[in-house]
Amino acid sequence: MVQINVSQQLKAPIGSVRNYRVSEVVDIADAKCLVQGEIDLMRTNRSIMAKGTLRTEIERTCSRCLSLFSCPLTLNIEEEYSPTMDVVTGTSLSLPGEPGCFTIDENNILDLTEAIREYVLLATPIKPLCHQNCIGLCPTCGGNLNQVLCNCPLKPADSRWSELSKFVLADSEASANE
């Protein structure tokens, strides 16, 4: 969990900035990830703005060859955290009307864990690849073509597409004659 006590910063003048170095293990989607980087916390007139760049790596399965690999992610975080309690008087404060806004708890602890989790989920590729030129799996034997050369015979094309293959052949012959 990435938690920062901001009680002194809530008492600081508007515009004051504090820099924090982050190096914590965060639980994201049932996996533990080491998150590292820097976060600047700036006091605003009503909240604390967290802004910074964090880096992590998550383990993913390649969408072509199904191998596990480490996927590096860069998270550019920029979130506003609203206090739930006045740091001087101890009275409860009303939260902004925004659904899902981040808050600073009654002990003046700003918890970056949920924001980091959300940014990781948003930064994770939908179709992750172990490397850009991943060949994938052989459709016949299922072998990983990045690791082995299989000698599987090519399946004949579906006869229903035979008329279209004439167009492809004619087009490739025309290109060769140019």
C-alpha atoms as a PDB file:
ATOM      1  CA  MET A   1       0.000   0.000   0.000  1.00  0.00           C
ATOM      2  CA  VAL A   2       1.257   3.441  -0.909  1.00  0.00           C
ATOM      3  CA  GLN A   3       0.126   5.707   1.903  1.00  0.00           C
ATOM      4  CA  ILE A   4       1.388   9.212   2.709  1.00  0.00           C
ATOM      5  CA  ASN A   5       0.546  11.274   5.801  1.00  0.00           C
ATOM      6  CA  VAL A   6      -0.393  14.727   4.475  1.00  0.00           C
ATOM      7  CA  SER A   7      -1.512  16.407   7.724  1.00  0.00           C
ATOM      8  CA  GLN A   8       1.299  18.977   7.595  1.00  0.00           C
ATOM      9  CA  GLN A   9       0.753  19.659   3.920  1.00  0.00           C
ATOM     10  CA  LEU A  10      -2.953  20.327   4.525  1.00  0.00           C
ATOM     11  CA  LYS A  11      -1.830  23.097   6.896  1.00  0.00           C
ATOM     12  CA  ALA A  12       0.673  24.501   4.365  1.00  0.00           C
ATOM     13  CA  PRO A  13      -0.087  27.468   2.082  1.00  0.00           C
ATOM     14  CA  ILE A  14      -1.791  26.910  -1.270  1.00  0.00           C
ATOM     15  CA  GLY A  15       0.740  26.017  -3.951  1.00  0.00           C
ATOM     16  CA  SER A  16       3.233  24.314  -1.648  1.00  0.00           C
ATOM     17  CA  VAL A  17       4.710  21.163  -3.181  1.00  0.00           C
ATOM     18  CA  ARG A  18       6.324  18.129  -1.585  1.00  0.00           C
ATOM     19  CA  ASN A  19       8.091  15.420  -3.506  1.00  0.00           C
ATOM     20  CA  TYR A  20       7.883  11.760  -2.496  1.00  0.00           C
ATOM     21  CA  ARG A  21       9.893   8.845  -3.830  1.00  0.00           C
ATOM     22  CA  VAL A  22       7.733   5.725  -4.208  1.00  0.00           C
ATOM     23  CA  SER A  23       9.073   2.180  -4.041  1.00  0.00           C
ATOM     24  CA  GLU A  24       6.305  -0.115  -2.842  1.00  0.00           C
ATOM     25  CA  VAL A  25       4.772  -3.465  -3.688  1.00  0.00           C
ATOM     26  CA  VAL A  26       1.143  -3.069  -4.736  1.00  0.00           C
ATOM     27  CA  ASP A  27      -1.409  -5.878  -5.153  1.00  0.00           C
ATOM     28  CA  ILE A  28      -2.943  -5.547  -8.626  1.00  0.00           C
ATOM     29  CA  ALA A  29      -5.317  -8.151 -10.049  1.00  0.00           C
ATOM     30  CA  ASP A  30      -4.078 -10.908  -7.714  1.00  0.00           C
ATOM     31  CA  ALA A  31      -0.435 -10.164  -8.510  1.00  0.00           C
ATOM     32  CA  LYS A  32       2.165  -8.244  -6.557  1.00  0.00           C
ATOM     33  CA  CYS A  33       3.917  -5.503  -8.522  1.00  0.00           C
ATOM     34  CA  LEU A  34       6.855  -3.341  -7.484  1.00  0.00           C
ATOM     35  CA  VAL A  35       5.930   0.279  -8.240  1.00  0.00           C
ATOM     36  CA  GLN A  36       8.725   2.863  -8.345  1.00  0.00           C
ATOM     37  CA  GLY A  37       8.967   6.537  -9.234  1.00  0.00           C
ATOM     38  CA  GLU A  38       8.270  10.001  -7.890  1.00  0.00           C
ATOM     39  CA  ILE A  39       5.065  11.776  -6.933  1.00  0.00           C
ATOM     40  CA  ASP A  40       4.643  15.502  -6.311  1.00  0.00           C
ATOM     41  CA  LEU A  41       1.864  16.485  -3.925  1.00  0.00           C
ATOM     42  CA  MET A  42       0.666  20.074  -4.343  1.00  0.00           C
ATOM     43  CA  ARG A  43      -1.669  21.840  -1.923  1.00  0.00           C
ATOM     44  CA  THR A  44      -4.615  23.447  -3.713  1.00  0.00           C
ATOM     45  CA  ASN A  45      -7.365  25.616  -2.265  1.00  0.00           C
ATOM     46  CA  ARG A  46      -9.553  22.579  -1.534  1.00  0.00           C
ATOM     47  CA  SER A  47      -7.430  19.450  -1.910  1.00  0.00           C
ATOM     48  CA  ILE A  48      -4.061  17.884  -2.692  1.00  0.00           C
ATOM     49  CA  MET A  49      -3.093  17.241  -6.309  1.00  0.00           C
ATOM     50  CA  ALA A  50      -0.953  14.127  -6.814  1.00  0.00           C
ATOM     51  CA  LYS A  51       1.095  14.200  -9.997  1.00  0.00           C
ATOM     52  CA  GLY A  52       4.009  12.032 -11.050  1.00  0.00           C
ATOM     53  CA  THR A  53       5.426   9.189 -13.071  1.00  0.00           C
ATOM     54  CA  LEU A  54       5.620   5.647 -11.751  1.00  0.00           C
ATOM     55  CA  ARG A  55       6.993   2.513 -13.386  1.00  0.00           C
ATOM     56  CA  THR A  56       6.113  -1.114 -12.856  1.00  0.00           C
ATOM     57  CA  GLU A  57       6.113  -4.474 -14.600  1.00  0.00           C
ATOM     58  CA  ILE A  58       3.266  -6.951 -14.707  1.00  0.00           C
ATOM     59  CA  GLU A  59       3.282 -10.536 -15.892  1.00  0.00           C
ATOM     60  CA  ARG A  60       1.070 -11.118 -18.927  1.00  0.00           C
ATOM     61  CA  THR A  61       0.371 -13.902 -21.404  1.00  0.00           C
ATOM     62  CA  CYS A  62       1.294 -13.139 -25.013  1.00  0.00           C
ATOM     63  CA  SER A  63      -1.814 -13.053 -27.165  1.00  0.00           C
ATOM     64  CA  ARG A  64      -0.038 -14.828 -30.051  1.00  0.00           C
ATOM     65  CA  CYS A  65       2.238 -17.488 -28.552  1.00  0.00           C
ATOM     66  CA  LEU A  66       0.674 -17.800 -25.065  1.00  0.00           C
ATOM     67  CA  SER A  67       4.064 -17.422 -23.322  1.00  0.00           C
ATOM     68  CA  LEU A  68       4.301 -15.570 -20.024  1.00  0.00           C
ATOM     69  CA  PHE A  69       6.375 -12.394 -20.180  1.00  0.00           C
ATOM     70  CA  SER A  70       7.069  -9.291 -18.129  1.00  0.00           C
ATOM     71  CA  CYS A  71       5.217  -6.253 -19.521  1.00  0.00           C
ATOM     72  CA  PRO A  72       6.766  -2.897 -18.463  1.00  0.00           C
ATOM     73  CA  LEU A  73       4.315  -0.048 -17.794  1.00  0.00           C
ATOM     74  CA  THR A  74       4.768   3.686 -17.265  1.00  0.00           C
ATOM     75  CA  LEU A  75       2.016   5.364 -15.255  1.00  0.00           C
ATOM     76  CA  ASN A  76       1.550   9.132 -15.555  1.00  0.00           C
ATOM     77  CA  ILE A  77      -0.608   9.806 -12.525  1.00  0.00           C
ATOM     78  CA  GLU A  78      -2.550  13.024 -12.021  1.00  0.00           C
ATOM     79  CA  GLU A  79      -5.327  12.827  -9.430  1.00  0.00           C
ATOM     80  CA  GLU A  80      -6.973  15.136  -6.918  1.00  0.00           C
ATOM     81  CA  TYR A  81      -7.446  13.947  -3.330  1.00  0.00           C
ATOM     82  CA  SER A  82     -10.065  15.703  -1.214  1.00  0.00           C
ATOM     83  CA  PRO A  83      -9.842  15.735   2.602  1.00  0.00           C
ATOM     84  CA  THR A  84     -12.792  14.259   4.520  1.00  0.00           C
ATOM     85  CA  MET A  85     -11.948  16.152   7.712  1.00  0.00           C
ATOM     86  CA  ASP A  86     -10.637  19.658   8.438  1.00  0.00           C
ATOM     87  CA  VAL A  87      -7.076  19.206   9.726  1.00  0.00           C
ATOM     88  CA  VAL A  88      -7.313  22.189  12.110  1.00  0.00           C
ATOM     89  CA  THR A  89     -10.821  21.918  13.571  1.00  0.00           C
ATOM     90  CA  GLY A  90     -11.509  18.197  13.121  1.00  0.00           C
ATOM     91  CA  THR A  91     -14.936  18.840  11.559  1.00  0.00           C
ATOM     92  CA  SER A  92     -16.198  16.689   8.721  1.00  0.00           C
ATOM     93  CA  LEU A  93     -15.998  18.199   5.240  1.00  0.00           C
ATOM     94  CA  SER A  94     -18.414  17.636   2.395  1.00  0.00           C
ATOM     95  CA  LEU A  95     -16.940  15.802  -0.561  1.00  0.00           C
ATOM     96  CA  PRO A  96     -17.085  17.076  -4.138  1.00  0.00           C
ATOM     97  CA  GLY A  97     -20.119  15.865  -6.054  1.00  0.00           C
ATOM     98  CA  GLU A  98     -17.925  13.815  -8.385  1.00  0.00           C
ATOM     99  CA  PRO A  99     -18.583  10.067  -8.245  1.00  0.00           C
ATOM    100  CA  GLY A 100     -15.496   7.968  -7.557  1.00  0.00           C
ATOM    101  CA  CYS A 101     -13.351  10.851  -6.333  1.00  0.00           C
ATOM    102  CA  PHE A 102     -10.264  10.042  -4.282  1.00  0.00           C
ATOM    103  CA  THR A 103     -10.235  11.114  -0.639  1.00  0.00           C
ATOM    104  CA  ILE A 104      -7.834  11.703   2.209  1.00  0.00           C
ATOM    105  CA  ASP A 105      -9.076   9.737   5.225  1.00  0.00           C
ATOM    106  CA  GLU A 106      -9.877  11.070   8.703  1.00  0.00           C
ATOM    107  CA  ASN A 107      -6.277  10.359   9.806  1.00  0.00           C
ATOM    108  CA  ASN A 108      -4.976  12.595   6.960  1.00  0.00           C
ATOM    109  CA  ILE A 109      -3.579   9.613   5.046  1.00  0.00           C
ATOM    110  CA  LEU A 110      -3.510   9.905   1.258  1.00  0.00           C
ATOM    111  CA  ASP A 111      -3.598   6.386  -0.213  1.00  0.00           C
ATOM    112  CA  LEU A 112      -2.315   6.113  -3.789  1.00  0.00           C
ATOM    113  CA  THR A 113      -2.972   2.354  -4.012  1.00  0.00           C
ATOM    114  CA  GLU A 114      -6.356   2.526  -5.773  1.00  0.00           C
ATOM    115  CA  ALA A 115      -5.182   5.183  -8.242  1.00  0.00           C
ATOM    116  CA  ILE A 116      -2.117   3.079  -9.078  1.00  0.00           C
ATOM    117  CA  ARG A 117      -4.298  -0.007  -9.559  1.00  0.00           C
ATOM    118  CA  GLU A 118      -6.608   1.889 -11.932  1.00  0.00           C
ATOM    119  CA  TYR A 119      -3.726   3.373 -13.925  1.00  0.00           C
ATOM    120  CA  VAL A 120      -2.115  -0.076 -14.280  1.00  0.00           C
ATOM    121  CA  LEU A 121      -5.367  -1.535 -15.595  1.00  0.00           C
ATOM    122  CA  LEU A 122      -5.698   1.331 -18.080  1.00  0.00           C
ATOM    123  CA  ALA A 123      -2.059   1.089 -19.224  1.00  0.00           C
ATOM    124  CA  THR A 124      -2.114  -2.693 -19.722  1.00  0.00           C
ATOM    125  CA  PRO A 125      -2.305  -3.532 -23.448  1.00  0.00           C
ATOM    126  CA  ILE A 126      -5.527  -5.205 -24.556  1.00  0.00           C
ATOM    127  CA  LYS A 127      -3.582  -7.585 -26.805  1.00  0.00           C
ATOM    128  CA  PRO A 128      -0.159  -7.949 -25.138  1.00  0.00           C
ATOM    129  CA  LEU A 129       2.752  -9.257 -27.200  1.00  0.00           C
ATOM    130  CA  CYS A 130       5.957 -10.768 -25.799  1.00  0.00           C
ATOM    131  CA  HIS A 131       7.796  -8.913 -28.586  1.00  0.00           C
ATOM    132  CA  GLN A 132       6.696  -6.980 -31.672  1.00  0.00           C
ATOM    133  CA  ASN A 133       7.600  -9.737 -34.165  1.00  0.00           C
ATOM    134  CA  CYS A 134       6.042 -12.648 -32.283  1.00  0.00           C
ATOM    135  CA  ILE A 135       5.121 -15.350 -34.805  1.00  0.00           C
ATOM    136  CA  GLY A 136       2.637 -17.188 -32.603  1.00  0.00           C
ATOM    137  CA  LEU A 137       1.563 -20.820 -32.582  1.00  0.00           C
ATOM    138  CA  CYS A 138       1.407 -23.341 -35.387  1.00  0.00           C
ATOM    139  CA  PRO A 139      -2.284 -23.846 -36.218  1.00  0.00           C
ATOM    140  CA  THR A 140      -1.690 -27.559 -36.806  1.00  0.00           C
ATOM    141  CA  CYS A 141       0.559 -28.819 -33.999  1.00  0.00           C
ATOM    142  CA  GLY A 142       0.322 -25.871 -31.588  1.00  0.00           C
ATOM    143  CA  GLY A 143       4.095 -25.433 -31.330  1.00  0.00           C
ATOM    144  CA  ASN A 144       5.515 -22.018 -30.472  1.00  0.00           C
ATOM    145  CA  LEU A 145       6.940 -20.837 -33.802  1.00  0.00           C
ATOM    146  CA  ASN A 146       9.282 -18.432 -31.993  1.00  0.00           C
ATOM    147  CA  GLN A 147      11.107 -21.432 -30.488  1.00  0.00           C
ATOM    148  CA  VAL A 148      10.771 -24.290 -32.993  1.00  0.00           C
ATOM    149  CA  LEU A 149      10.397 -24.773 -36.718  1.00  0.00           C
ATOM    150  CA  CYS A 150       7.659 -27.289 -37.260  1.00  0.00           C
ATOM    151  CA  ASN A 151       7.327 -29.329 -40.438  1.00  0.00           C
ATOM    152  CA  CYS A 152       3.567 -29.414 -40.435  1.00  0.00           C
ATOM    153  CA  PRO A 153       2.025 -29.519 -43.896  1.00  0.00           C
ATOM    154  CA  LEU A 154       0.034 -26.459 -44.832  1.00  0.00           C
ATOM    155  CA  LYS A 155      -3.672 -27.103 -44.794  1.00  0.00           C
ATOM    156  CA  PRO A 156      -5.244 -26.768 -48.201  1.00  0.00           C
ATOM    157  CA  ALA A 157      -7.370 -23.686 -48.587  1.00  0.00           C
ATOM    158  CA  ASP A 158     -11.111 -24.052 -48.318  1.00  0.00           C
ATOM    159  CA  SER A 159     -12.433 -24.754 -51.820  1.00  0.00           C
ATOM    160  CA  ARG A 160     -15.186 -22.218 -51.327  1.00  0.00           C
ATOM    161  CA  TRP A 161     -12.533 -19.456 -51.589  1.00  0.00           C
ATOM    162  CA  SER A 162     -10.937 -20.799 -54.784  1.00  0.00           C
ATOM    163  CA  GLU A 163     -12.523 -18.160 -57.045  1.00  0.00           C
ATOM    164  CA  LEU A 164     -11.119 -15.353 -54.867  1.00  0.00           C
ATOM    165  CA  SER A 165      -7.620 -16.864 -54.979  1.00  0.00           C
ATOM    166  CA  LYS A 166      -7.607 -16.225 -58.746  1.00  0.00           C
ATOM    167  CA  PHE A 167      -7.842 -12.494 -58.034  1.00  0.00           C
ATOM    168  CA  VAL A 168      -4.945 -12.640 -55.597  1.00  0.00           C
ATOM    169  CA  LEU A 169      -2.805 -14.560 -58.100  1.00  0.00           C
ATOM    170  CA  ALA A 170      -3.695 -12.160 -60.930  1.00  0.00           C
ATOM    171  CA  ASP A 171      -2.864  -9.176 -58.725  1.00  0.00           C
ATOM    172  CA  SER A 172       0.522 -10.608 -57.676  1.00  0.00           C
ATOM    173  CA  GLU A 173       1.403 -11.428 -61.327  1.00  0.00           C
ATOM    174  CA  ALA A 174       0.513  -7.861 -62.364  1.00  0.00           C
ATOM    175  CA  SER A 175       2.753  -6.463 -59.626  1.00  0.00           C
ATOM    176  CA  ALA A 176       5.638  -8.709 -60.729  1.00  0.00           C
ATOM    177  CA  ASN A 177       5.356  -7.518 -64.366  1.00  0.00           C
ATOM    178  CA  GLU A 178       5.573  -3.829 -63.429  1.00  0.00           C
END
